Amino acid sequence: MNSLVIYFGFIGGPQVIIILVVVLLLFGGRKIPELMKGLGSGIKEFKNASKEEEDSEDKIEDKK
């Protein structure tokens, strides 16, 4: 965690606002909801895949 703080520094309010403005300028207001929907579905798929992997590992350990 400390290495991340050193690498990125502290991100405060003004930096977040600048990042949001840049994203808005790059993608436009209409694309942002589509991007967030895609990001959300990707995170959901990742969580499901990791949960399935844990379940399969538990089944293998139970057989031993």
PDB file of N, CA and C in Angstrom:
ATOM      1  N   MET A   1       0.826  -1.188   0.000  1.00  0.00           N
ATOM      2  CA  MET A   1       0.000   0.000   0.000  1.00  0.00           C
ATOM      3  C   MET A   1       0.865   1.243   0.000  1.00  0.00           C
ATOM      4  N   ASN A   2       1.905   1.232   0.787  1.00  0.00           N
ATOM      5  CA  ASN A   2       2.779   2.401   0.852  1.00  0.00           C
ATOM      6  C   ASN A   2       3.448   2.678  -0.481  1.00  0.00           C
ATOM      7  N   SER A   3       3.801   1.622  -1.220  1.00  0.00           N
ATOM      8  CA  SER A   3       4.430   1.836  -2.521  1.00  0.00           C
ATOM      9  C   SER A   3       3.463   2.499  -3.494  1.00  0.00           C
ATOM     10  N   LEU A   4       2.168   2.195  -3.389  1.00  0.00           N
ATOM     11  CA  LEU A   4       1.189   2.858  -4.249  1.00  0.00           C
ATOM     12  C   LEU A   4       1.074   4.333  -3.916  1.00  0.00           C
ATOM     13  N   VAL A   5       1.108   4.652  -2.640  1.00  0.00           N
ATOM     14  CA  VAL A   5       1.025   6.051  -2.225  1.00  0.00           C
ATOM     15  C   VAL A   5       2.256   6.813  -2.725  1.00  0.00           C
ATOM     16  N   ILE A   6       3.408   6.196  -2.645  1.00  0.00           N
ATOM     17  CA  ILE A   6       4.630   6.853  -3.108  1.00  0.00           C
ATOM     18  C   ILE A   6       4.586   7.038  -4.623  1.00  0.00           C
ATOM     19  N   TYR A   7       4.130   6.026  -5.338  1.00  0.00           N
ATOM     20  CA  TYR A   7       4.108   6.076  -6.800  1.00  0.00           C
ATOM     21  C   TYR A   7       3.081   7.080  -7.316  1.00  0.00           C
ATOM     22  N   PHE A   8       1.862   7.005  -6.823  1.00  0.00           N
ATOM     23  CA  PHE A   8       0.799   7.865  -7.315  1.00  0.00           C
ATOM     24  C   PHE A   8       0.690   9.170  -6.545  1.00  0.00           C
ATOM     25  N   GLY A   9       1.206   9.226  -5.358  1.00  0.00           N
ATOM     26  CA  GLY A   9       1.018  10.394  -4.526  1.00  0.00           C
ATOM     27  C   GLY A   9      -0.385  10.387  -3.962  1.00  0.00           C
ATOM     28  N   PHE A  10      -0.729  11.442  -3.304  1.00  0.00           N
ATOM     29  CA  PHE A  10      -2.067  11.530  -2.744  1.00  0.00           C
ATOM     30  C   PHE A  10      -2.983  12.191  -3.764  1.00  0.00           C
ATOM     31  N   ILE A  11      -4.074  11.526  -4.077  1.00  0.00           N
ATOM     32  CA  ILE A  11      -5.044  12.073  -5.022  1.00  0.00           C
ATOM     33  C   ILE A  11      -6.120  12.762  -4.210  1.00  0.00           C
ATOM     34  N   GLY A  12      -6.228  14.061  -4.389  1.00  0.00           N
ATOM     35  CA  GLY A  12      -7.195  14.839  -3.632  1.00  0.00           C
ATOM     36  C   GLY A  12      -8.371  15.263  -4.505  1.00  0.00           C
ATOM     37  N   GLY A  13      -9.177  16.140  -3.974  1.00  0.00           N
ATOM     38  CA  GLY A  13     -10.367  16.613  -4.658  1.00  0.00           C
ATOM     39  C   GLY A  13     -10.095  17.278  -5.999  1.00  0.00           C
ATOM     40  N   PRO A  14      -9.144  18.230  -6.051  1.00  0.00           N
ATOM     41  CA  PRO A  14      -8.877  18.896  -7.338  1.00  0.00           C
ATOM     42  C   PRO A  14      -8.391  17.928  -8.423  1.00  0.00           C
ATOM     43  N   GLN A  15      -7.593  16.948  -8.050  1.00  0.00           N
ATOM     44  CA  GLN A  15      -7.103  15.984  -9.031  1.00  0.00           C
ATOM     45  C   GLN A  15      -8.240  15.125  -9.569  1.00  0.00           C
ATOM     46  N   VAL A  16      -9.167  14.729  -8.709  1.00  0.00           N
ATOM     47  CA  VAL A  16     -10.312  13.929  -9.143  1.00  0.00           C
ATOM     48  C   VAL A  16     -11.177  14.733 -10.109  1.00  0.00           C
ATOM     49  N   ILE A  17     -11.376  16.009  -9.817  1.00  0.00           N
ATOM     50  CA  ILE A  17     -12.182  16.863 -10.699  1.00  0.00           C
ATOM     51  C   ILE A  17     -11.512  17.001 -12.060  1.00  0.00           C
ATOM     52  N   ILE A  18     -10.199  17.179 -12.077  1.00  0.00           N
ATOM     53  CA  ILE A  18      -9.478  17.288 -13.347  1.00  0.00           C
ATOM     54  C   ILE A  18      -9.600  15.998 -14.148  1.00  0.00           C
ATOM     55  N   ILE A  19      -9.473  14.863 -13.492  1.00  0.00           N
ATOM     56  CA  ILE A  19      -9.594  13.568 -14.170  1.00  0.00           C
ATOM     57  C   ILE A  19     -11.000  13.412 -14.757  1.00  0.00           C
ATOM     58  N   LEU A  20     -12.019  13.766 -13.995  1.00  0.00           N
ATOM     59  CA  LEU A  20     -13.393  13.659 -14.484  1.00  0.00           C
ATOM     60  C   LEU A  20     -13.643  14.569 -15.684  1.00  0.00           C
ATOM     61  N   VAL A  21     -13.102  15.769 -15.657  1.00  0.00           N
ATOM     62  CA  VAL A  21     -13.262  16.698 -16.784  1.00  0.00           C
ATOM     63  C   VAL A  21     -12.576  16.147 -18.028  1.00  0.00           C
ATOM     64  N   VAL A  22     -11.386  15.596 -17.873  1.00  0.00           N
ATOM     65  CA  VAL A  22     -10.666  15.025 -19.016  1.00  0.00           C
ATOM     66  C   VAL A  22     -11.441  13.851 -19.598  1.00  0.00           C
ATOM     67  N   VAL A  23     -11.975  12.983 -18.748  1.00  0.00           N
ATOM     68  CA  VAL A  23     -12.766  11.846 -19.228  1.00  0.00           C
ATOM     69  C   VAL A  23     -14.007  12.335 -19.957  1.00  0.00           C
ATOM     70  N   LEU A  24     -14.658  13.340 -19.424  1.00  0.00           N
ATOM     71  CA  LEU A  24     -15.843  13.900 -20.068  1.00  0.00           C
ATOM     72  C   LEU A  24     -15.502  14.487 -21.429  1.00  0.00           C
ATOM     73  N   LEU A  25     -14.378  15.162 -21.530  1.00  0.00           N
ATOM     74  CA  LEU A  25     -13.974  15.736 -22.807  1.00  0.00           C
ATOM     75  C   LEU A  25     -13.586  14.670 -23.828  1.00  0.00           C
ATOM     76  N   LEU A  26     -12.941  13.611 -23.357  1.00  0.00           N
ATOM     77  CA  LEU A  26     -12.502  12.558 -24.274  1.00  0.00           C
ATOM     78  C   LEU A  26     -13.663  11.724 -24.811  1.00  0.00           C
ATOM     79  N   PHE A  27     -14.584  11.359 -23.947  1.00  0.00           N
ATOM     80  CA  PHE A  27     -15.621  10.416 -24.333  1.00  0.00           C
ATOM     81  C   PHE A  27     -16.977  11.062 -24.572  1.00  0.00           C
ATOM     82  N   GLY A  28     -17.214  12.222 -24.057  1.00  0.00           N
ATOM     83  CA  GLY A  28     -18.508  12.874 -24.237  1.00  0.00           C
ATOM     84  C   GLY A  28     -19.529  12.341 -23.249  1.00  0.00           C
ATOM     85  N   GLY A  29     -20.584  13.101 -23.054  1.00  0.00           N
ATOM     86  CA  GLY A  29     -21.606  12.746 -22.070  1.00  0.00           C
ATOM     87  C   GLY A  29     -22.416  11.517 -22.423  1.00  0.00           C
ATOM     88  N   ARG A  30     -22.551  11.239 -23.707  1.00  0.00           N
ATOM     89  CA  ARG A  30     -23.392  10.098 -24.113  1.00  0.00           C
ATOM     90  C   ARG A  30     -22.676   8.760 -23.973  1.00  0.00           C
ATOM     91  N   LYS A  31     -21.367   8.753 -24.093  1.00  0.00           N
ATOM     92  CA  LYS A  31     -20.613   7.499 -24.033  1.00  0.00           C
ATOM     93  C   LYS A  31     -20.323   7.040 -22.609  1.00  0.00           C
ATOM     94  N   ILE A  32     -20.291   7.946 -21.661  1.00  0.00           N
ATOM     95  CA  ILE A  32     -19.892   7.604 -20.298  1.00  0.00           C
ATOM     96  C   ILE A  32     -20.819   6.557 -19.670  1.00  0.00           C
ATOM     97  N   PRO A  33     -22.172   6.668 -19.783  1.00  0.00           N
ATOM     98  CA  PRO A  33     -23.011   5.605 -19.211  1.00  0.00           C
ATOM     99  C   PRO A  33     -22.752   4.237 -19.841  1.00  0.00           C
ATOM    100  N   GLU A  34     -22.475   4.206 -21.146  1.00  0.00           N
ATOM    101  CA  GLU A  34     -22.166   2.937 -21.806  1.00  0.00           C
ATOM    102  C   GLU A  34     -20.855   2.363 -21.279  1.00  0.00           C
ATOM    103  N   LEU A  35     -19.866   3.231 -21.089  1.00  0.00           N
ATOM    104  CA  LEU A  35     -18.584   2.772 -20.553  1.00  0.00           C
ATOM    105  C   LEU A  35     -18.732   2.228 -19.139  1.00  0.00           C
ATOM    106  N   MET A  36     -19.517   2.907 -18.322  1.00  0.00           N
ATOM    107  CA  MET A  36     -19.707   2.455 -16.938  1.00  0.00           C
ATOM    108  C   MET A  36     -20.486   1.143 -16.897  1.00  0.00           C
ATOM    109  N   LYS A  37     -21.444   0.983 -17.799  1.00  0.00           N
ATOM    110  CA  LYS A  37     -22.209  -0.269 -17.866  1.00  0.00           C
ATOM    111  C   LYS A  37     -21.281  -1.423 -18.250  1.00  0.00           C
ATOM    112  N   GLY A  38     -20.415  -1.188 -19.224  1.00  0.00           N
ATOM    113  CA  GLY A  38     -19.455  -2.207 -19.627  1.00  0.00           C
ATOM    114  C   GLY A  38     -18.472  -2.536 -18.520  1.00  0.00           C
ATOM    115  N   LEU A  39     -18.018  -1.518 -17.812  1.00  0.00           N
ATOM    116  CA  LEU A  39     -17.102  -1.734 -16.693  1.00  0.00           C
ATOM    117  C   LEU A  39     -17.780  -2.535 -15.592  1.00  0.00           C
ATOM    118  N   GLY A  40     -19.033  -2.206 -15.297  1.00  0.00           N
ATOM    119  CA  GLY A  40     -19.774  -2.934 -14.258  1.00  0.00           C
ATOM    120  C   GLY A  40     -19.990  -4.390 -14.617  1.00  0.00           C
ATOM    121  N   SER A  41     -20.330  -4.643 -15.880  1.00  0.00           N
ATOM    122  CA  SER A  41     -20.539  -6.042 -16.280  1.00  0.00           C
ATOM    123  C   SER A  41     -19.221  -6.805 -16.273  1.00  0.00           C
ATOM    124  N   GLY A  42     -18.133  -6.148 -16.603  1.00  0.00           N
ATOM    125  CA  GLY A  42     -16.828  -6.808 -16.555  1.00  0.00           C
ATOM    126  C   GLY A  42     -16.433  -7.174 -15.136  1.00  0.00           C
ATOM    127  N   ILE A  43     -16.684  -6.273 -14.208  1.00  0.00           N
ATOM    128  CA  ILE A  43     -16.383  -6.546 -12.798  1.00  0.00           C
ATOM    129  C   ILE A  43     -17.255  -7.684 -12.291  1.00  0.00           C
ATOM    130  N   LYS A  44     -18.520  -7.691 -12.697  1.00  0.00           N
ATOM    131  CA  LYS A  44     -19.443  -8.752 -12.279  1.00  0.00           C
ATOM    132  C   LYS A  44     -18.983 -10.114 -12.799  1.00  0.00           C
ATOM    133  N   GLU A  45     -18.554 -10.168 -14.058  1.00  0.00           N
ATOM    134  CA  GLU A  45     -18.053 -11.428 -14.627  1.00  0.00           C
ATOM    135  C   GLU A  45     -16.789 -11.885 -13.905  1.00  0.00           C
ATOM    136  N   PHE A  46     -15.920 -10.949 -13.569  1.00  0.00           N
ATOM    137  CA  PHE A  46     -14.692 -11.293 -12.860  1.00  0.00           C
ATOM    138  C   PHE A  46     -14.995 -11.881 -11.494  1.00  0.00           C
ATOM    139  N   LYS A  47     -15.937 -11.277 -10.776  1.00  0.00           N
ATOM    140  CA  LYS A  47     -16.312 -11.786  -9.457  1.00  0.00           C
ATOM    141  C   LYS A  47     -16.907 -13.187  -9.568  1.00  0.00           C
ATOM    142  N   ASN A  48     -17.773 -13.399 -10.570  1.00  0.00           N
ATOM    143  CA  ASN A  48     -18.378 -14.723 -10.752  1.00  0.00           C
ATOM    144  C   ASN A  48     -17.314 -15.766 -11.077  1.00  0.00           C
ATOM    145  N   ALA A  49     -16.360 -15.404 -11.935  1.00  0.00           N
ATOM    146  CA  ALA A  49     -15.309 -16.355 -12.302  1.00  0.00           C
ATOM    147  C   ALA A  49     -14.424 -16.686 -11.107  1.00  0.00           C
ATOM    148  N   SER A  50     -14.101 -15.683 -10.301  1.00  0.00           N
ATOM    149  CA  SER A  50     -13.253 -15.955  -9.139  1.00  0.00           C
ATOM    150  C   SER A  50     -14.007 -16.787  -8.107  1.00  0.00           C
ATOM    151  N   LYS A  51     -15.312 -16.560  -7.974  1.00  0.00           N
ATOM    152  CA  LYS A  51     -16.111 -17.355  -7.039  1.00  0.00           C
ATOM    153  C   LYS A  51     -16.202 -18.804  -7.515  1.00  0.00           C
ATOM    154  N   GLU A  52     -16.363 -19.009  -8.830  1.00  0.00           N
ATOM    155  CA  GLU A  52     -16.414 -20.370  -9.372  1.00  0.00           C
ATOM    156  C   GLU A  52     -15.078 -21.079  -9.148  1.00  0.00           C
ATOM    157  N   GLU A  53     -13.979 -20.350  -9.290  1.00  0.00           N
ATOM    158  CA  GLU A  53     -12.658 -20.938  -9.077  1.00  0.00           C
ATOM    159  C   GLU A  53     -12.484 -21.354  -7.623  1.00  0.00           C
ATOM    160  N   GLU A  54     -12.932 -20.520  -6.694  1.00  0.00           N
ATOM    161  CA  GLU A  54     -12.840 -20.869  -5.276  1.00  0.00           C
ATOM    162  C   GLU A  54     -13.692 -22.097  -4.970  1.00  0.00           C
ATOM    163  N   ASP A  55     -14.883 -22.161  -5.562  1.00  0.00           N
ATOM    164  CA  ASP A  55     -15.762 -23.311  -5.329  1.00  0.00           C
ATOM    165  C   ASP A  55     -15.136 -24.598  -5.848  1.00  0.00           C
ATOM    166  N   SER A  56     -14.506 -24.521  -7.033  1.00  0.00           N
ATOM    167  CA  SER A  56     -13.885 -25.727  -7.580  1.00  0.00           C
ATOM    168  C   SER A  56     -12.686 -26.147  -6.744  1.00  0.00           C
ATOM    169  N   GLU A  57     -11.929 -25.189  -6.204  1.00  0.00           N
ATOM    170  CA  GLU A  57     -10.805 -25.526  -5.334  1.00  0.00           C
ATOM    171  C   GLU A  57     -11.293 -26.165  -4.040  1.00  0.00           C
ATOM    172  N   ASP A  58     -12.409 -25.683  -3.497  1.00  0.00           N
ATOM    173  CA  ASP A  58     -12.968 -26.262  -2.276  1.00  0.00           C
ATOM    174  C   ASP A  58     -13.413 -27.699  -2.520  1.00  0.00           C
ATOM    175  N   LYS A  59     -14.008 -27.975  -3.675  1.00  0.00           N
ATOM    176  CA  LYS A  59     -14.451 -29.331  -3.996  1.00  0.00           C
ATOM    177  C   LYS A  59     -13.261 -30.272  -4.120  1.00  0.00           C
ATOM    178  N   ILE A  60     -12.180 -29.783  -4.710  1.00  0.00           N
ATOM    179  CA  ILE A  60     -10.981 -30.619  -4.864  1.00  0.00           C
ATOM    180  C   ILE A  60     -10.382 -30.928  -3.478  1.00  0.00           C
ATOM    181  N   GLU A  61     -10.350 -29.936  -2.603  1.00  0.00           N
ATOM    182  CA  GLU A  61      -9.810 -30.157  -1.258  1.00  0.00           C
ATOM    183  C   GLU A  61     -10.699 -31.087  -0.453  1.00  0.00           C
ATOM    184  N   ASP A  62     -12.010 -31.022  -0.649  1.00  0.00           N
ATOM    185  CA  ASP A  62     -12.921 -31.903   0.067  1.00  0.00           C
ATOM    186  C   ASP A  62     -12.737 -33.355  -0.351  1.00  0.00           C
ATOM    187  N   LYS A  63     -12.381 -33.602  -1.609  1.00  0.00           N
ATOM    188  CA  LYS A  63     -12.171 -34.965  -2.112  1.00  0.00           C
ATOM    189  C   LYS A  63     -10.921 -35.586  -1.504  1.00  0.00           C
ATOM    190  N   LYS A  64      -9.961 -34.756  -1.129  1.00  0.00           N
ATOM    191  CA  LYS A  64      -8.711 -35.293  -0.566  1.00  0.00           C
ATOM    192  C   LYS A  64      -8.914 -35.638   0.835  1.00  0.00           C
TER     193      LYS A  64
END
